[in-house]
Amino acid sequence: GDHWAALIVVLMIPGGHALADYASHRARAQLRALLDRTPTVAHRL
Protein backbone atom coordinates (compact mmCIF):
# COMPACT_ATOMS: atom_id res chain seq x y z
CA GLY A 1 0.00 0.00 0.00
CA ASP A 2 2.93 2.42 -0.30
CA HIS A 3 2.13 3.93 -3.66
CA TRP A 4 4.52 6.87 -3.25
CA ALA A 5 7.44 4.50 -2.74
CA ALA A 6 6.32 2.58 -5.83
CA LEU A 7 6.42 5.78 -7.90
CA ILE A 8 9.87 6.63 -6.55
CA VAL A 9 11.18 3.19 -7.55
CA VAL A 10 9.66 3.59 -11.02
CA LEU A 11 11.33 7.00 -11.30
CA MET A 12 14.66 5.47 -10.34
CA ILE A 13 14.55 3.05 -13.30
CA PRO A 14 14.97 5.65 -16.10
CA GLY A 15 17.34 7.55 -13.82
CA GLY A 16 19.57 4.48 -13.60
CA HIS A 17 19.37 3.94 -17.35
CA ALA A 18 20.30 7.59 -17.98
CA LEU A 19 23.32 7.36 -15.67
CA ALA A 20 24.45 4.11 -17.30
CA ASP A 21 24.11 5.62 -20.78
CA TYR A 22 26.01 8.73 -19.67
CA ALA A 23 28.85 6.66 -18.21
CA SER A 24 28.99 4.50 -21.34
CA HIS A 25 29.05 7.59 -23.57
CA ARG A 26 31.86 9.15 -21.50
CA ALA A 27 33.88 5.94 -21.64
CA ARG A 28 33.47 5.68 -25.42
CA ALA A 29 34.40 9.34 -25.87
CA GLN A 30 37.53 8.99 -23.74
CA LEU A 31 38.56 5.82 -25.55
CA ARG A 32 37.97 7.52 -28.89
CA ALA A 33 40.07 10.51 -27.75
CA LEU A 34 42.84 8.16 -26.65
CA LEU A 35 42.80 6.36 -29.98
CA ASP A 36 42.81 9.67 -31.85
CA ARG A 37 45.99 10.63 -30.01
CA THR A 38 47.75 7.39 -30.89
CA PRO A 39 50.74 8.28 -33.05
CA THR A 40 51.02 6.76 -36.49
CA VAL A 41 54.68 7.69 -37.01
CA ALA A 42 57.71 6.94 -34.82
CA HIS A 43 61.23 8.41 -34.87
CA ARG A 44 63.53 5.42 -35.35
CA LEU A 45 67.20 6.03 -34.57
PDB file of all heavy atoms in Angstrom:
ATOM      1  N   GLY A   1       0.780  -1.234   0.000  1.00  0.00           N
ATOM      2  CA  GLY A   1       0.000   0.000   0.000  1.00  0.00           C
ATOM      3  C   GLY A   1       0.808   1.279   0.000  1.00  0.00           C
ATOM      4  O   GLY A   1       0.258   2.349   0.254  1.00  0.00           O
ATOM      5  N   ASP A   2       2.094   1.212  -0.275  1.00  0.00           N
ATOM      6  CA  ASP A   2       2.931   2.419  -0.297  1.00  0.00           C
ATOM      7  C   ASP A   2       3.116   2.874  -1.739  1.00  0.00           C
ATOM      8  O   ASP A   2       4.136   2.614  -2.367  1.00  0.00           O
ATOM      9  CB  ASP A   2       4.277   2.117   0.362  1.00  0.00           C
ATOM     10  CG  ASP A   2       5.033   3.393   0.730  1.00  0.00           C
ATOM     11  OD1 ASP A   2       4.664   4.470   0.211  1.00  0.00           O
ATOM     12  OD2 ASP A   2       5.992   3.304   1.517  1.00  0.00           O
ATOM     13  N   HIS A   3       2.095   3.563  -2.250  1.00  0.00           N
ATOM     14  CA  HIS A   3       2.125   3.927  -3.663  1.00  0.00           C
ATOM     15  C   HIS A   3       3.174   4.986  -3.976  1.00  0.00           C
ATOM     16  O   HIS A   3       3.698   5.034  -5.088  1.00  0.00           O
ATOM     17  CB  HIS A   3       0.738   4.389  -4.129  1.00  0.00           C
ATOM     18  CG  HIS A   3       0.213   5.557  -3.365  1.00  0.00           C
ATOM     19  ND1 HIS A   3      -0.355   5.429  -2.113  1.00  0.00           N
ATOM     20  CD2 HIS A   3       0.159   6.875  -3.685  1.00  0.00           C
ATOM     21  CE1 HIS A   3      -0.738   6.620  -1.685  1.00  0.00           C
ATOM     22  NE2 HIS A   3      -0.443   7.510  -2.610  1.00  0.00           N
ATOM     23  N   TRP A   4       3.489   5.864  -3.000  1.00  0.00           N
ATOM     24  CA  TRP A   4       4.520   6.869  -3.247  1.00  0.00           C
ATOM     25  C   TRP A   4       5.892   6.210  -3.421  1.00  0.00           C
ATOM     26  O   TRP A   4       6.677   6.604  -4.294  1.00  0.00           O
ATOM     27  CB  TRP A   4       4.560   7.882  -2.108  1.00  0.00           C
ATOM     28  CG  TRP A   4       3.341   8.742  -2.032  1.00  0.00           C
ATOM     29  CD1 TRP A   4       2.446   8.819  -1.010  1.00  0.00           C
ATOM     30  CD2 TRP A   4       2.859   9.634  -3.041  1.00  0.00           C
ATOM     31  NE1 TRP A   4       1.428   9.700  -1.303  1.00  0.00           N
ATOM     32  CE2 TRP A   4       1.660  10.216  -2.547  1.00  0.00           C
ATOM     33  CE3 TRP A   4       3.300   9.990  -4.311  1.00  0.00           C
ATOM     34  CZ2 TRP A   4       0.925  11.137  -3.274  1.00  0.00           C
ATOM     35  CZ3 TRP A   4       2.567  10.919  -5.036  1.00  0.00           C
ATOM     36  CH2 TRP A   4       1.393  11.481  -4.522  1.00  0.00           C
ATOM     37  N   ALA A   5       6.168   5.224  -2.589  1.00  0.00           N
ATOM     38  CA  ALA A   5       7.439   4.505  -2.738  1.00  0.00           C
ATOM     39  C   ALA A   5       7.498   3.790  -4.082  1.00  0.00           C
ATOM     40  O   ALA A   5       8.560   3.719  -4.725  1.00  0.00           O
ATOM     41  CB  ALA A   5       7.620   3.507  -1.597  1.00  0.00           C
ATOM     42  N   ALA A   6       6.351   3.258  -4.529  1.00  0.00           N
ATOM     43  CA  ALA A   6       6.320   2.584  -5.831  1.00  0.00           C
ATOM     44  C   ALA A   6       6.665   3.557  -6.951  1.00  0.00           C
ATOM     45  O   ALA A   6       7.427   3.225  -7.871  1.00  0.00           O
ATOM     46  CB  ALA A   6       4.941   1.969  -6.067  1.00  0.00           C
ATOM     47  N   LEU A   7       6.114   4.782  -6.874  1.00  0.00           N
ATOM     48  CA  LEU A   7       6.424   5.781  -7.896  1.00  0.00           C
ATOM     49  C   LEU A   7       7.906   6.172  -7.864  1.00  0.00           C
ATOM     50  O   LEU A   7       8.525   6.383  -8.914  1.00  0.00           O
ATOM     51  CB  LEU A   7       5.550   7.021  -7.705  1.00  0.00           C
ATOM     52  CG  LEU A   7       4.063   6.880  -8.049  1.00  0.00           C
ATOM     53  CD1 LEU A   7       3.340   8.197  -7.827  1.00  0.00           C
ATOM     54  CD2 LEU A   7       3.882   6.414  -9.494  1.00  0.00           C
ATOM     55  N   ILE A   8       8.456   6.274  -6.665  1.00  0.00           N
ATOM     56  CA  ILE A   8       9.875   6.630  -6.552  1.00  0.00           C
ATOM     57  C   ILE A   8      10.745   5.550  -7.190  1.00  0.00           C
ATOM     58  O   ILE A   8      11.709   5.849  -7.907  1.00  0.00           O
ATOM     59  CB  ILE A   8      10.254   6.846  -5.074  1.00  0.00           C
ATOM     60  CG1 ILE A   8       9.570   8.111  -4.545  1.00  0.00           C
ATOM     61  CG2 ILE A   8      11.771   6.952  -4.909  1.00  0.00           C
ATOM     62  CD1 ILE A   8       9.753   8.347  -3.063  1.00  0.00           C
ATOM     63  N   VAL A   9      10.402   4.281  -6.952  1.00  0.00           N
ATOM     64  CA  VAL A   9      11.181   3.192  -7.555  1.00  0.00           C
ATOM     65  C   VAL A   9      11.059   3.235  -9.075  1.00  0.00           C
ATOM     66  O   VAL A   9      12.047   3.055  -9.798  1.00  0.00           O
ATOM     67  CB  VAL A   9      10.726   1.827  -7.006  1.00  0.00           C
ATOM     68  CG1 VAL A   9      11.447   0.697  -7.735  1.00  0.00           C
ATOM     69  CG2 VAL A   9      10.995   1.729  -5.511  1.00  0.00           C
ATOM     70  N   VAL A  10       9.845   3.481  -9.569  1.00  0.00           N
ATOM     71  CA  VAL A  10       9.659   3.587 -11.018  1.00  0.00           C
ATOM     72  C   VAL A  10      10.494   4.737 -11.572  1.00  0.00           C
ATOM     73  O   VAL A  10      11.119   4.615 -12.636  1.00  0.00           O
ATOM     74  CB  VAL A  10       8.168   3.783 -11.366  1.00  0.00           C
ATOM     75  CG1 VAL A  10       8.011   4.088 -12.856  1.00  0.00           C
ATOM     76  CG2 VAL A  10       7.371   2.547 -11.001  1.00  0.00           C
ATOM     77  N   LEU A  11      10.542   5.849 -10.851  1.00  0.00           N
ATOM     78  CA  LEU A  11      11.326   7.002 -11.296  1.00  0.00           C
ATOM     79  C   LEU A  11      12.820   6.691 -11.298  1.00  0.00           C
ATOM     80  O   LEU A  11      13.573   7.235 -12.125  1.00  0.00           O
ATOM     81  CB  LEU A  11      11.033   8.205 -10.403  1.00  0.00           C
ATOM     82  CG  LEU A  11      11.604   9.555 -10.836  1.00  0.00           C
ATOM     83  CD1 LEU A  11      11.038   9.949 -12.199  1.00  0.00           C
ATOM     84  CD2 LEU A  11      11.297  10.621  -9.798  1.00  0.00           C
ATOM     85  N   MET A  12      13.244   5.819 -10.407  1.00  0.00           N
ATOM     86  CA  MET A  12      14.662   5.466 -10.344  1.00  0.00           C
ATOM     87  C   MET A  12      15.104   4.627 -11.550  1.00  0.00           C
ATOM     88  O   MET A  12      16.290   4.624 -11.897  1.00  0.00           O
ATOM     89  CB  MET A  12      14.954   4.700  -9.048  1.00  0.00           C
ATOM     90  CG  MET A  12      14.868   5.550  -7.798  1.00  0.00           C
ATOM     91  SD  MET A  12      14.954   4.549  -6.296  1.00  0.00           S
ATOM     92  CE  MET A  12      16.585   3.813  -6.485  1.00  0.00           C
ATOM     93  N   ILE A  13      14.179   3.921 -12.180  1.00  0.00           N
ATOM     94  CA  ILE A  13      14.549   3.049 -13.301  1.00  0.00           C
ATOM     95  C   ILE A  13      15.105   3.855 -14.474  1.00  0.00           C
ATOM     96  O   ILE A  13      16.224   3.598 -14.930  1.00  0.00           O
ATOM     97  CB  ILE A  13      13.358   2.170 -13.724  1.00  0.00           C
ATOM     98  CG1 ILE A  13      13.000   1.198 -12.592  1.00  0.00           C
ATOM     99  CG2 ILE A  13      13.686   1.405 -15.006  1.00  0.00           C
ATOM    100  CD1 ILE A  13      11.735   0.399 -12.845  1.00  0.00           C
ATOM    101  N   PRO A  14      14.371   4.864 -15.005  1.00  0.00           N
ATOM    102  CA  PRO A  14      14.975   5.650 -16.096  1.00  0.00           C
ATOM    103  C   PRO A  14      16.175   6.457 -15.629  1.00  0.00           C
ATOM    104  O   PRO A  14      17.089   6.719 -16.417  1.00  0.00           O
ATOM    105  CB  PRO A  14      13.830   6.554 -16.569  1.00  0.00           C
ATOM    106  CG  PRO A  14      12.912   6.646 -15.398  1.00  0.00           C
ATOM    107  CD  PRO A  14      12.990   5.313 -14.727  1.00  0.00           C
ATOM    108  N   GLY A  15      16.175   6.845 -14.339  1.00  0.00           N
ATOM    109  CA  GLY A  15      17.343   7.552 -13.824  1.00  0.00           C
ATOM    110  C   GLY A  15      18.584   6.681 -13.888  1.00  0.00           C
ATOM    111  O   GLY A  15      19.662   7.142 -14.282  1.00  0.00           O
ATOM    112  N   GLY A  16      18.443   5.411 -13.515  1.00  0.00           N
ATOM    113  CA  GLY A  16      19.571   4.485 -13.603  1.00  0.00           C
ATOM    114  C   GLY A  16      20.006   4.249 -15.036  1.00  0.00           C
ATOM    115  O   GLY A  16      21.208   4.194 -15.332  1.00  0.00           O
ATOM    116  N   HIS A  17      19.030   4.125 -15.943  1.00  0.00           N
ATOM    117  CA  HIS A  17      19.370   3.943 -17.353  1.00  0.00           C
ATOM    118  C   HIS A  17      20.113   5.163 -17.902  1.00  0.00           C
ATOM    119  O   HIS A  17      21.079   5.025 -18.668  1.00  0.00           O
ATOM    120  CB  HIS A  17      18.105   3.716 -18.165  1.00  0.00           C
ATOM    121  CG  HIS A  17      17.461   2.392 -17.901  1.00  0.00           C
ATOM    122  ND1 HIS A  17      16.234   2.044 -18.416  1.00  0.00           N
ATOM    123  CD2 HIS A  17      17.868   1.329 -17.172  1.00  0.00           C
ATOM    124  CE1 HIS A  17      15.915   0.831 -18.009  1.00  0.00           C
ATOM    125  NE2 HIS A  17      16.898   0.381 -17.250  1.00  0.00           N
ATOM    126  N   ALA A  18      19.660   6.370 -17.502  1.00  0.00           N
ATOM    127  CA  ALA A  18      20.305   7.590 -17.983  1.00  0.00           C
ATOM    128  C   ALA A  18      21.740   7.678 -17.476  1.00  0.00           C
ATOM    129  O   ALA A  18      22.655   8.045 -18.226  1.00  0.00           O
ATOM    130  CB  ALA A  18      19.507   8.815 -17.534  1.00  0.00           C
ATOM    131  N   LEU A  19      21.966   7.333 -16.209  1.00  0.00           N
ATOM    132  CA  LEU A  19      23.321   7.364 -15.668  1.00  0.00           C
ATOM    133  C   LEU A  19      24.217   6.340 -16.362  1.00  0.00           C
ATOM    134  O   LEU A  19      25.378   6.616 -16.667  1.00  0.00           O
ATOM    135  CB  LEU A  19      23.289   7.101 -14.160  1.00  0.00           C
ATOM    136  CG  LEU A  19      22.744   8.238 -13.293  1.00  0.00           C
ATOM    137  CD1 LEU A  19      22.659   7.797 -11.846  1.00  0.00           C
ATOM    138  CD2 LEU A  19      23.624   9.483 -13.419  1.00  0.00           C
ATOM    139  N   ALA A  20      23.669   5.141 -16.613  1.00  0.00           N
ATOM    140  CA  ALA A  20      24.454   4.106 -17.298  1.00  0.00           C
ATOM    141  C   ALA A  20      24.812   4.541 -18.714  1.00  0.00           C
ATOM    142  O   ALA A  20      25.943   4.346 -19.170  1.00  0.00           O
ATOM    143  CB  ALA A  20      23.678   2.792 -17.317  1.00  0.00           C
ATOM    144  N   ASP A  21      23.844   5.147 -19.418  1.00  0.00           N
ATOM    145  CA  ASP A  21      24.113   5.618 -20.776  1.00  0.00           C
ATOM    146  C   ASP A  21      25.152   6.738 -20.770  1.00  0.00           C
ATOM    147  O   ASP A  21      26.021   6.809 -21.651  1.00  0.00           O
ATOM    148  CB  ASP A  21      22.825   6.103 -21.440  1.00  0.00           C
ATOM    149  CG  ASP A  21      21.875   4.959 -21.760  1.00  0.00           C
ATOM    150  OD1 ASP A  21      22.320   3.804 -21.733  1.00  0.00           O
ATOM    151  OD2 ASP A  21      20.687   5.236 -22.018  1.00  0.00           O
ATOM    152  N   TYR A  22      25.051   7.624 -19.764  1.00  0.00           N
ATOM    153  CA  TYR A  22      26.011   8.730 -19.668  1.00  0.00           C
ATOM    154  C   TYR A  22      27.420   8.201 -19.431  1.00  0.00           C
ATOM    155  O   TYR A  22      28.381   8.634 -20.075  1.00  0.00           O
ATOM    156  CB  TYR A  22      25.598   9.666 -18.538  1.00  0.00           C
ATOM    157  CG  TYR A  22      26.593  10.765 -18.259  1.00  0.00           C
ATOM    158  CD1 TYR A  22      26.703  11.864 -19.111  1.00  0.00           C
ATOM    159  CD2 TYR A  22      27.439  10.707 -17.152  1.00  0.00           C
ATOM    160  CE1 TYR A  22      27.623  12.879 -18.861  1.00  0.00           C
ATOM    161  CE2 TYR A  22      28.361  11.710 -16.902  1.00  0.00           C
ATOM    162  CZ  TYR A  22      28.444  12.793 -17.756  1.00  0.00           C
ATOM    163  OH  TYR A  22      29.355  13.774 -17.505  1.00  0.00           O
ATOM    164  N   ALA A  23      27.542   7.239 -18.503  1.00  0.00           N
ATOM    165  CA  ALA A  23      28.854   6.658 -18.214  1.00  0.00           C
ATOM    166  C   ALA A  23      29.414   5.937 -19.437  1.00  0.00           C
ATOM    167  O   ALA A  23      30.612   6.034 -19.738  1.00  0.00           O
ATOM    168  CB  ALA A  23      28.755   5.700 -17.027  1.00  0.00           C
ATOM    169  N   SER A  24      28.549   5.203 -20.145  1.00  0.00           N
ATOM    170  CA  SER A  24      28.995   4.502 -21.344  1.00  0.00           C
ATOM    171  C   SER A  24      29.444   5.477 -22.420  1.00  0.00           C
ATOM    172  O   SER A  24      30.472   5.271 -23.086  1.00  0.00           O
ATOM    173  CB  SER A  24      27.860   3.613 -21.870  1.00  0.00           C
ATOM    174  OG  SER A  24      28.231   2.966 -23.063  1.00  0.00           O
ATOM    175  N   HIS A  25      28.694   6.579 -22.576  1.00  0.00           N
ATOM    176  CA  HIS A  25      29.052   7.588 -23.570  1.00  0.00           C
ATOM    177  C   HIS A  25      30.389   8.236 -23.222  1.00  0.00           C
ATOM    178  O   HIS A  25      31.243   8.441 -24.098  1.00  0.00           O
ATOM    179  CB  HIS A  25      27.953   8.653 -23.651  1.00  0.00           C
ATOM    180  CG  HIS A  25      28.281   9.806 -24.554  1.00  0.00           C
ATOM    181  ND1 HIS A  25      28.257   9.697 -25.921  1.00  0.00           N
ATOM    182  CD2 HIS A  25      28.668  11.075 -24.284  1.00  0.00           C
ATOM    183  CE1 HIS A  25      28.599  10.858 -26.461  1.00  0.00           C
ATOM    184  NE2 HIS A  25      28.860  11.707 -25.484  1.00  0.00           N
ATOM    185  N   ARG A  26      30.594   8.552 -21.927  1.00  0.00           N
ATOM    186  CA  ARG A  26      31.860   9.146 -21.501  1.00  0.00           C
ATOM    187  C   ARG A  26      33.016   8.192 -21.755  1.00  0.00           C
ATOM    188  O   ARG A  26      34.092   8.604 -22.208  1.00  0.00           O
ATOM    189  CB  ARG A  26      31.795   9.507 -20.013  1.00  0.00           C
ATOM    190  CG  ARG A  26      31.012  10.758 -19.680  1.00  0.00           C
ATOM    191  CD  ARG A  26      31.759  12.014 -20.108  1.00  0.00           C
ATOM    192  NE  ARG A  26      33.070  12.099 -19.494  1.00  0.00           N
ATOM    193  CZ  ARG A  26      33.301  12.638 -18.304  1.00  0.00           C
ATOM    194  NH1 ARG A  26      32.286  13.118 -17.599  1.00  0.00           N
ATOM    195  NH2 ARG A  26      34.540  12.704 -17.829  1.00  0.00           N
ATOM    196  N   ALA A  27      32.814   6.917 -21.445  1.00  0.00           N
ATOM    197  CA  ALA A  27      33.884   5.936 -21.637  1.00  0.00           C
ATOM    198  C   ALA A  27      34.235   5.813 -23.116  1.00  0.00           C
ATOM    199  O   ALA A  27      35.420   5.767 -23.483  1.00  0.00           O
ATOM    200  CB  ALA A  27      33.461   4.581 -21.073  1.00  0.00           C
ATOM    201  N   ARG A  28      33.205   5.768 -23.977  1.00  0.00           N
ATOM    202  CA  ARG A  28      33.473   5.676 -25.416  1.00  0.00           C
ATOM    203  C   ARG A  28      34.191   6.924 -25.923  1.00  0.00           C
ATOM    204  O   ARG A  28      35.102   6.837 -26.753  1.00  0.00           O
ATOM    205  CB  ARG A  28      32.171   5.471 -26.185  1.00  0.00           C
ATOM    206  CG  ARG A  28      31.599   4.071 -26.091  1.00  0.00           C
ATOM    207  CD  ARG A  28      30.544   3.834 -27.161  1.00  0.00           C
ATOM    208  NE  ARG A  28      29.444   4.773 -27.035  1.00  0.00           N
ATOM    209  CZ  ARG A  28      28.338   4.544 -26.334  1.00  0.00           C
ATOM    210  NH1 ARG A  28      28.204   3.404 -25.685  1.00  0.00           N
ATOM    211  NH2 ARG A  28      27.382   5.439 -26.276  1.00  0.00           N
ATOM    212  N   ALA A  29      33.774   8.102 -25.424  1.00  0.00           N
ATOM    213  CA  ALA A  29      34.403   9.343 -25.869  1.00  0.00           C
ATOM    214  C   ALA A  29      35.862   9.400 -25.439  1.00  0.00           C
ATOM    215  O   ALA A  29      36.735   9.818 -26.216  1.00  0.00           O
ATOM    216  CB  ALA A  29      33.637  10.543 -25.296  1.00  0.00           C
ATOM    217  N   GLN A  30      36.150   8.965 -24.209  1.00  0.00           N
ATOM    218  CA  GLN A  30      37.534   8.986 -23.738  1.00  0.00           C
ATOM    219  C   GLN A  30      38.382   7.977 -24.493  1.00  0.00           C
ATOM    220  O   GLN A  30      39.544   8.245 -24.815  1.00  0.00           O
ATOM    221  CB  GLN A  30      37.569   8.724 -22.233  1.00  0.00           C
ATOM    222  CG  GLN A  30      36.986   9.861 -21.417  1.00  0.00           C
ATOM    223  CD  GLN A  30      36.939   9.558 -19.938  1.00  0.00           C
ATOM    224  OE1 GLN A  30      37.285   8.456 -19.504  1.00  0.00           O
ATOM    225  NE2 GLN A  30      36.503  10.523 -19.153  1.00  0.00           N
ATOM    226  N   LEU A  31      37.814   6.813 -24.769  1.00  0.00           N
ATOM    227  CA  LEU A  31      38.558   5.819 -25.547  1.00  0.00           C
ATOM    228  C   LEU A  31      38.818   6.321 -26.960  1.00  0.00           C
ATOM    229  O   LEU A  31      39.918   6.142 -27.504  1.00  0.00           O
ATOM    230  CB  LEU A  31      37.777   4.501 -25.581  1.00  0.00           C
ATOM    231  CG  LEU A  31      38.427   3.353 -26.352  1.00  0.00           C
ATOM    232  CD1 LEU A  31      39.795   3.021 -25.771  1.00  0.00           C
ATOM    233  CD2 LEU A  31      37.527   2.123 -26.347  1.00  0.00           C
ATOM    234  N   ARG A  32      37.805   6.979 -27.543  1.00  0.00           N
ATOM    235  CA  ARG A  32      37.970   7.522 -28.888  1.00  0.00           C
ATOM    236  C   ARG A  32      39.045   8.613 -28.897  1.00  0.00           C
ATOM    237  O   ARG A  32      39.878   8.679 -29.813  1.00  0.00           O
ATOM    238  CB  ARG A  32      36.636   8.070 -29.385  1.00  0.00           C
ATOM    239  CG  ARG A  32      36.616   8.439 -30.855  1.00  0.00           C
ATOM    240  CD  ARG A  32      35.204   8.508 -31.375  1.00  0.00           C
ATOM    241  NE  ARG A  32      34.328   9.268 -30.504  1.00  0.00           N
ATOM    242  CZ  ARG A  32      33.289   8.755 -29.850  1.00  0.00           C
ATOM    243  NH1 ARG A  32      33.012   7.470 -29.970  1.00  0.00           N
ATOM    244  NH2 ARG A  32      32.527   9.513 -29.070  1.00  0.00           N
ATOM    245  N   ALA A  33      39.053   9.464 -27.844  1.00  0.00           N
ATOM    246  CA  ALA A  33      40.070  10.512 -27.755  1.00  0.00           C
ATOM    247  C   ALA A  33      41.461   9.908 -27.602  1.00  0.00           C
ATOM    248  O   ALA A  33      42.436  10.398 -28.180  1.00  0.00           O
ATOM    249  CB  ALA A  33      39.763  11.435 -26.578  1.00  0.00           C
ATOM    250  N   LEU A  34      41.549   8.830 -26.818  1.00  0.00           N
ATOM    251  CA  LEU A  34      42.842   8.162 -26.645  1.00  0.00           C
ATOM    252  C   LEU A  34      43.333   7.563 -27.959  1.00  0.00           C
ATOM    253  O   LEU A  34      44.509   7.672 -28.314  1.00  0.00           O
ATOM    254  CB  LEU A  34      42.718   7.078 -25.573  1.00  0.00           C
ATOM    255  CG  LEU A  34      43.995   6.309 -25.219  1.00  0.00           C
ATOM    256  CD1 LEU A  34      45.053   7.266 -24.681  1.00  0.00           C
ATOM    257  CD2 LEU A  34      43.689   5.217 -24.210  1.00  0.00           C
ATOM    258  N   LEU A  35      42.416   6.944 -28.696  1.00  0.00           N
ATOM    259  CA  LEU A  35      42.797   6.360 -29.978  1.00  0.00           C
ATOM    260  C   LEU A  35      43.183   7.433 -30.987  1.00  0.00           C
ATOM    261  O   LEU A  35      44.094   7.229 -31.803  1.00  0.00           O
ATOM    262  CB  LEU A  35      41.647   5.503 -30.524  1.00  0.00           C
ATOM    263  CG  LEU A  35      41.337   4.226 -29.745  1.00  0.00           C
ATOM    264  CD1 LEU A  35      40.101   3.544 -30.314  1.00  0.00           C
ATOM    265  CD2 LEU A  35      42.523   3.276 -29.764  1.00  0.00           C
ATOM    266  N   ASP A  36      42.484   8.579 -30.928  1.00  0.00           N
ATOM    267  CA  ASP A  36      42.812   9.667 -31.853  1.00  0.00           C
ATOM    268  C   ASP A  36      44.209  10.223 -31.604  1.00  0.00           C
ATOM    269  O   ASP A  36      44.842  10.762 -32.518  1.00  0.00           O
ATOM    270  CB  ASP A  36      41.775  10.792 -31.734  1.00  0.00           C
ATOM    271  CG  ASP A  36      40.424  10.400 -32.307  1.00  0.00           C
ATOM    272  OD1 ASP A  36      40.379   9.425 -33.081  1.00  0.00           O
ATOM    273  OD2 ASP A  36      39.422  11.059 -31.962  1.00  0.00           O
ATOM    274  N   ARG A  37      44.669  10.118 -30.350  1.00  0.00           N
ATOM    275  CA  ARG A  37      45.991  10.634 -30.012  1.00  0.00           C
ATOM    276  C   ARG A  37      47.098   9.614 -30.256  1.00  0.00           C
ATOM    277  O   ARG A  37      48.269   9.919 -30.057  1.00  0.00           O
ATOM    278  CB  ARG A  37      46.013  11.058 -28.539  1.00  0.00           C
ATOM    279  CG  ARG A  37      45.242  12.343 -28.286  1.00  0.00           C
ATOM    280  CD  ARG A  37      45.068  12.607 -26.821  1.00  0.00           C
ATOM    281  NE  ARG A  37      46.247  12.310 -26.035  1.00  0.00           N
ATOM    282  CZ  ARG A  37      46.226  12.073 -24.738  1.00  0.00           C
ATOM    283  NH1 ARG A  37      45.067  12.047 -24.110  1.00  0.00           N
ATOM    284  NH2 ARG A  37      47.342  11.851 -24.077  1.00  0.00           N
ATOM    285  N   THR A  38      46.731   8.418 -30.639  1.00  0.00           N
ATOM    286  CA  THR A  38      47.746   7.395 -30.888  1.00  0.00           C
ATOM    287  C   THR A  38      48.588   7.788 -32.096  1.00  0.00           C
ATOM    288  O   THR A  38      48.053   8.031 -33.181  1.00  0.00           O
ATOM    289  CB  THR A  38      47.077   6.030 -31.149  1.00  0.00           C
ATOM    290  OG1 THR A  38      46.293   5.670 -30.018  1.00  0.00           O
ATOM    291  CG2 THR A  38      48.129   4.962 -31.390  1.00  0.00           C
ATOM    292  N   PRO A  39      49.893   7.872 -31.916  1.00  0.00           N
ATOM    293  CA  PRO A  39      50.737   8.284 -33.051  1.00  0.00           C
ATOM    294  C   PRO A  39      50.773   7.220 -34.140  1.00  0.00           C
ATOM    295  O   PRO A  39      50.692   6.022 -33.864  1.00  0.00           O
ATOM    296  CB  PRO A  39      52.121   8.464 -32.406  1.00  0.00           C
ATOM    297  CG  PRO A  39      52.087   7.607 -31.184  1.00  0.00           C
ATOM    298  CD  PRO A  39      50.669   7.631 -30.687  1.00  0.00           C
ATOM    299  N   THR A  40      50.909   7.674 -35.345  1.00  0.00           N
ATOM    300  CA  THR A  40      51.019   6.758 -36.492  1.00  0.00           C
ATOM    301  C   THR A  40      52.437   6.697 -37.023  1.00  0.00           C
ATOM    302  O   THR A  40      52.752   5.831 -37.834  1.00  0.00           O
ATOM    303  CB  THR A  40      50.076   7.205 -37.620  1.00  0.00           C
ATOM    304  OG1 THR A  40      50.400   8.552 -38.003  1.00  0.00           O
ATOM    305  CG2 THR A  40      48.621   7.150 -37.162  1.00  0.00           C
ATOM    306  N   VAL A  41      53.291   7.630 -36.553  1.00  0.00           N
ATOM    307  CA  VAL A  41      54.680   7.693 -37.010  1.00  0.00           C
ATOM    308  C   VAL A  41      55.597   7.688 -35.798  1.00  0.00           C
ATOM    309  O   VAL A  41      55.293   8.312 -34.769  1.00  0.00           O
ATOM    310  CB  VAL A  41      54.928   8.960 -37.856  1.00  0.00           C
ATOM    311  CG1 VAL A  41      56.402   9.099 -38.212  1.00  0.00           C
ATOM    312  CG2 VAL A  41      54.083   8.922 -39.118  1.00  0.00           C
ATOM    313  N   ALA A  42      56.706   6.982 -35.892  1.00  0.00           N
ATOM    314  CA  ALA A  42      57.710   6.943 -34.824  1.00  0.00           C
ATOM    315  C   ALA A  42      59.052   7.404 -35.380  1.00  0.00           C
ATOM    316  O   ALA A  42      59.330   7.279 -36.586  1.00  0.00           O
ATOM    317  CB  ALA A  42      57.831   5.532 -34.261  1.00  0.00           C
ATOM    318  N   HIS A  43      59.891   7.967 -34.475  1.00  0.00           N
ATOM    319  CA  HIS A  43      61.232   8.412 -34.871  1.00  0.00           C
ATOM    320  C   HIS A  43      62.212   7.280 -34.550  1.00  0.00           C
ATOM    321  O   HIS A  43      62.583   7.073 -33.390  1.00  0.00           O
ATOM    322  CB  HIS A  43      61.627   9.679 -34.115  1.00  0.00           C
ATOM    323  CG  HIS A  43      60.578  10.756 -34.152  1.00  0.00           C
ATOM    324  ND1 HIS A  43      60.072  11.268 -35.330  1.00  0.00           N
ATOM    325  CD2 HIS A  43      59.917  11.399 -33.150  1.00  0.00           C
ATOM    326  CE1 HIS A  43      59.168  12.197 -35.056  1.00  0.00           C
ATOM    327  NE2 HIS A  43      59.055  12.283 -33.744  1.00  0.00           N
ATOM    328  N   ARG A  44      62.612   6.537 -35.562  1.00  0.00           N
ATOM    329  CA  ARG A  44      63.533   5.419 -35.347  1.00  0.00           C
ATOM    330  C   ARG A  44      64.971   5.894 -35.544  1.00  0.00           C
ATOM    331  O   ARG A  44      65.307   6.510 -36.548  1.00  0.00           O
ATOM    332  CB  ARG A  44      63.219   4.280 -36.311  1.00  0.00           C
ATOM    333  CG  ARG A  44      64.081   3.038 -36.074  1.00  0.00           C
ATOM    334  CD  ARG A  44      63.491   1.815 -36.765  1.00  0.00           C
ATOM    335  NE  ARG A  44      63.371   2.012 -38.200  1.00  0.00           N
ATOM    336  CZ  ARG A  44      62.711   1.174 -39.017  1.00  0.00           C
ATOM    337  NH1 ARG A  44      62.105   0.103 -38.502  1.00  0.00           N
ATOM    338  NH2 ARG A  44      62.630   1.417 -40.309  1.00  0.00           N
ATOM    339  N   LEU A  45      65.796   5.610 -34.535  1.00  0.00           N
ATOM    340  CA  LEU A  45      67.195   6.027 -34.568  1.00  0.00           C
ATOM    341  C   LEU A  45      68.013   5.115 -35.478  1.00  0.00           C
ATOM    342  O   LEU A  45      67.739   3.924 -35.583  1.00  0.00           O
ATOM    343  CB  LEU A  45      67.781   5.997 -33.155  1.00  0.00           C
ATOM    344  CG  LEU A  45      67.250   7.085 -32.204  1.00  0.00           C
ATOM    345  CD1 LEU A  45      67.485   6.689 -30.762  1.00  0.00           C
ATOM    346  CD2 LEU A  45      67.915   8.415 -32.503  1.00  0.00           C
TER     347      LEU A  45
END
